[in-house]
Amino acid sequence: MDLKQRLAAILAADAVGYSRLMSLDERTTVAALDAAHAVFRARIEAQQGRVIDMAGDSVLAVFGTAGGAVAAALAIQAQRNLLAEVVPDQRCMRFRVGVHLGDVTEKADGTVYGDGKSGQTTTMLRQCYFDVVRGNVPDHAEWRTLV
């Protein structure tokens, strides 16, 4: 088996509240997801990235540079935010987008495998997020909504 290891930037995204949107209106949600996937594909390819997979509400892409992945992520969010201005909040499909830089293993057919570990920046951001959510950052207590 022909395997190659290399450093790559990975863009991973998924829709926020996808199950809720599907429960409200499947047809409209699928149409919105198809439109979003078209934006992702165009912006990823414009930055010399390659879409690895678009399964359900997720997107996975690989880039040769971190700069390309970040530029694509910013362009995707900018274009999606324009759409959000004309779609009612309860129907708006927003995406979480993350970029990870690390070693990947690539097969000759282009299939890419990672180690499944979160990068240093992702780990740091996750810890900051949970600190705020758990109330460990008193300066930002207003960010929390008690339920």
Protein backbone atom coordinates (compact mmCIF):
# COMPACT_ATOMS: atom_id res chain seq x y z
CA MET A 1 0.00 0.00 0.00
CA ASP A 2 1.38 3.40 -1.02
CA LEU A 3 1.14 5.79 1.97
CA LYS A 4 2.62 9.26 2.22
CA GLN A 5 2.96 11.35 5.37
CA ARG A 6 2.87 15.13 5.16
CA LEU A 7 2.01 18.27 7.06
CA ALA A 8 -1.43 19.61 6.13
CA ALA A 9 -4.02 22.08 7.29
CA ILE A 10 -7.46 20.56 7.83
CA LEU A 11 -10.67 22.58 7.73
CA ALA A 12 -13.58 20.93 9.55
CA ALA A 13 -17.08 22.38 9.75
CA ASP A 14 -20.57 21.40 10.80
CA ALA A 15 -23.94 23.10 10.94
CA VAL A 16 -25.14 24.48 14.26
CA GLY A 17 -28.59 23.16 15.17
CA TYR A 18 -28.84 20.92 12.11
CA SER A 19 -31.20 18.42 13.78
CA ARG A 20 -33.48 21.23 14.95
CA LEU A 21 -33.59 22.70 11.44
CA MET A 22 -34.38 19.28 9.94
CA SER A 23 -37.21 18.79 12.43
CA LEU A 24 -38.73 22.14 11.40
CA ASP A 25 -38.58 21.66 7.62
CA GLU A 26 -36.56 18.93 5.93
CA ARG A 27 -36.91 20.21 2.36
CA THR A 28 -35.84 23.76 3.17
CA THR A 29 -32.98 22.53 5.36
CA VAL A 30 -31.64 20.17 2.68
CA ALA A 31 -31.84 22.99 0.10
CA ALA A 32 -30.00 25.34 2.48
CA LEU A 33 -27.38 22.67 3.14
CA ASP A 34 -26.85 22.12 -0.60
CA ALA A 35 -26.38 25.89 -1.06
CA ALA A 36 -23.95 26.01 1.87
CA HIS A 37 -21.97 23.09 0.46
CA ALA A 38 -21.63 24.98 -2.84
CA VAL A 39 -20.18 27.97 -0.95
CA PHE A 40 -17.77 25.71 0.94
CA ARG A 41 -16.63 23.95 -2.24
CA ALA A 42 -16.05 27.20 -4.16
CA ARG A 43 -14.16 28.93 -1.33
CA ILE A 44 -12.07 25.85 -0.52
CA GLU A 45 -11.07 25.37 -4.17
CA ALA A 46 -10.34 29.12 -4.54
CA GLN A 47 -7.68 28.69 -1.82
CA GLN A 48 -6.18 25.58 -3.45
CA GLY A 49 -7.85 23.27 -0.94
CA ARG A 50 -9.48 19.93 -1.64
CA VAL A 51 -12.81 18.77 -0.23
CA ILE A 52 -12.31 15.37 1.39
CA ASP A 53 -15.90 14.77 2.46
CA MET A 54 -19.29 16.43 2.79
CA ALA A 55 -21.41 13.99 4.76
CA GLY A 56 -24.67 15.25 6.23
CA ASP A 57 -24.04 18.67 7.73
CA SER A 58 -20.26 18.30 7.91
CA VAL A 59 -17.44 19.46 5.65
CA LEU A 60 -13.86 18.22 5.72
CA ALA A 61 -11.14 19.72 3.52
CA VAL A 62 -7.35 19.58 3.28
CA PHE A 63 -4.96 22.39 2.37
CA GLY A 64 -1.25 22.60 1.69
CA THR A 65 -0.97 25.70 3.87
CA ALA A 66 -2.56 26.94 7.07
CA GLY A 67 -2.97 30.35 5.41
CA GLY A 68 -5.10 28.81 2.67
CA ALA A 69 -7.32 27.03 5.18
CA VAL A 70 -7.80 30.15 7.30
CA ALA A 71 -8.48 32.32 4.23
CA ALA A 72 -11.09 29.82 3.04
CA ALA A 73 -12.71 29.67 6.50
CA LEU A 74 -12.93 33.47 6.68
CA ALA A 75 -14.35 33.74 3.15
CA ILE A 76 -16.92 31.03 3.90
CA GLN A 77 -18.05 32.73 7.11
CA ALA A 78 -18.20 36.15 5.40
CA GLN A 79 -20.40 34.82 2.59
CA ARG A 80 -22.58 32.83 5.01
CA ASN A 81 -23.00 35.94 7.22
CA LEU A 82 -24.36 37.92 4.26
CA LEU A 83 -27.01 35.25 3.80
CA ALA A 84 -27.81 35.30 7.51
CA GLU A 85 -28.90 38.94 7.15
CA VAL A 86 -31.87 37.93 4.96
CA VAL A 87 -32.88 34.63 6.55
CA PRO A 88 -34.97 34.59 9.75
CA ASP A 89 -32.87 33.68 12.79
CA GLN A 90 -34.81 30.49 13.56
CA ARG A 91 -34.21 29.21 9.98
CA CYS A 92 -30.63 30.43 9.54
CA MET A 93 -28.02 27.72 9.07
CA ARG A 94 -24.79 28.74 10.79
CA PHE A 95 -21.56 26.75 10.76
CA ARG A 96 -18.82 26.04 13.25
CA VAL A 97 -15.53 26.07 11.33
CA GLY A 98 -12.19 24.96 12.73
CA VAL A 99 -8.70 24.69 11.27
CA HIS A 100 -6.10 22.21 12.45
CA LEU A 101 -2.47 21.94 11.36
CA GLY A 102 -0.83 18.54 11.74
CA ASP A 103 0.60 15.44 10.16
CA VAL A 104 -1.68 13.39 7.93
CA THR A 105 -1.28 10.10 6.12
CA GLU A 106 -2.47 10.10 2.52
CA LYS A 107 -3.21 7.11 0.32
CA ALA A 108 -2.50 7.18 -3.42
CA ASP A 109 -6.23 7.67 -4.11
CA GLY A 110 -6.24 10.93 -2.08
CA THR A 111 -7.88 9.56 1.07
CA VAL A 112 -6.47 11.41 4.08
CA TYR A 113 -6.15 10.11 7.65
CA GLY A 114 -5.20 12.11 10.73
CA ASP A 115 -4.35 11.10 14.25
CA GLY A 116 -7.69 12.33 15.60
CA LYS A 117 -6.01 14.57 18.18
CA SER A 118 -7.02 18.17 18.72
CA GLY A 119 -4.34 20.74 17.97
CA GLN A 120 -2.85 23.07 20.57
CA THR A 121 -5.02 26.05 19.54
CA THR A 122 -8.20 23.97 19.54
CA THR A 123 -7.35 22.63 23.00
CA MET A 124 -6.67 26.12 24.35
CA LEU A 125 -9.90 27.56 22.88
CA ARG A 126 -11.91 24.63 24.24
CA GLN A 127 -10.49 25.22 27.72
CA CYS A 128 -11.30 28.96 27.55
CA TYR A 129 -14.83 28.19 26.40
CA PHE A 130 -15.46 25.73 29.23
CA ASP A 131 -13.96 28.13 31.77
CA VAL A 132 -16.54 30.75 30.75
CA VAL A 133 -19.41 28.24 30.66
CA ARG A 134 -18.52 26.85 34.08
CA GLY A 135 -18.39 30.37 35.58
CA ASN A 136 -14.64 30.33 36.21
CA VAL A 137 -14.21 33.69 34.45
CA PRO A 138 -16.13 36.25 36.52
CA ASP A 139 -15.32 39.06 34.04
CA HIS A 140 -17.62 37.39 31.50
CA ALA A 141 -20.52 36.20 33.63
CA GLU A 142 -22.91 38.12 31.35
CA TRP A 143 -22.05 35.66 28.54
CA ARG A 144 -23.83 32.89 30.41
CA THR A 145 -27.54 32.24 30.39
CA LEU A 146 -28.80 30.25 33.33
CA VAL A 147 -31.44 27.67 32.49
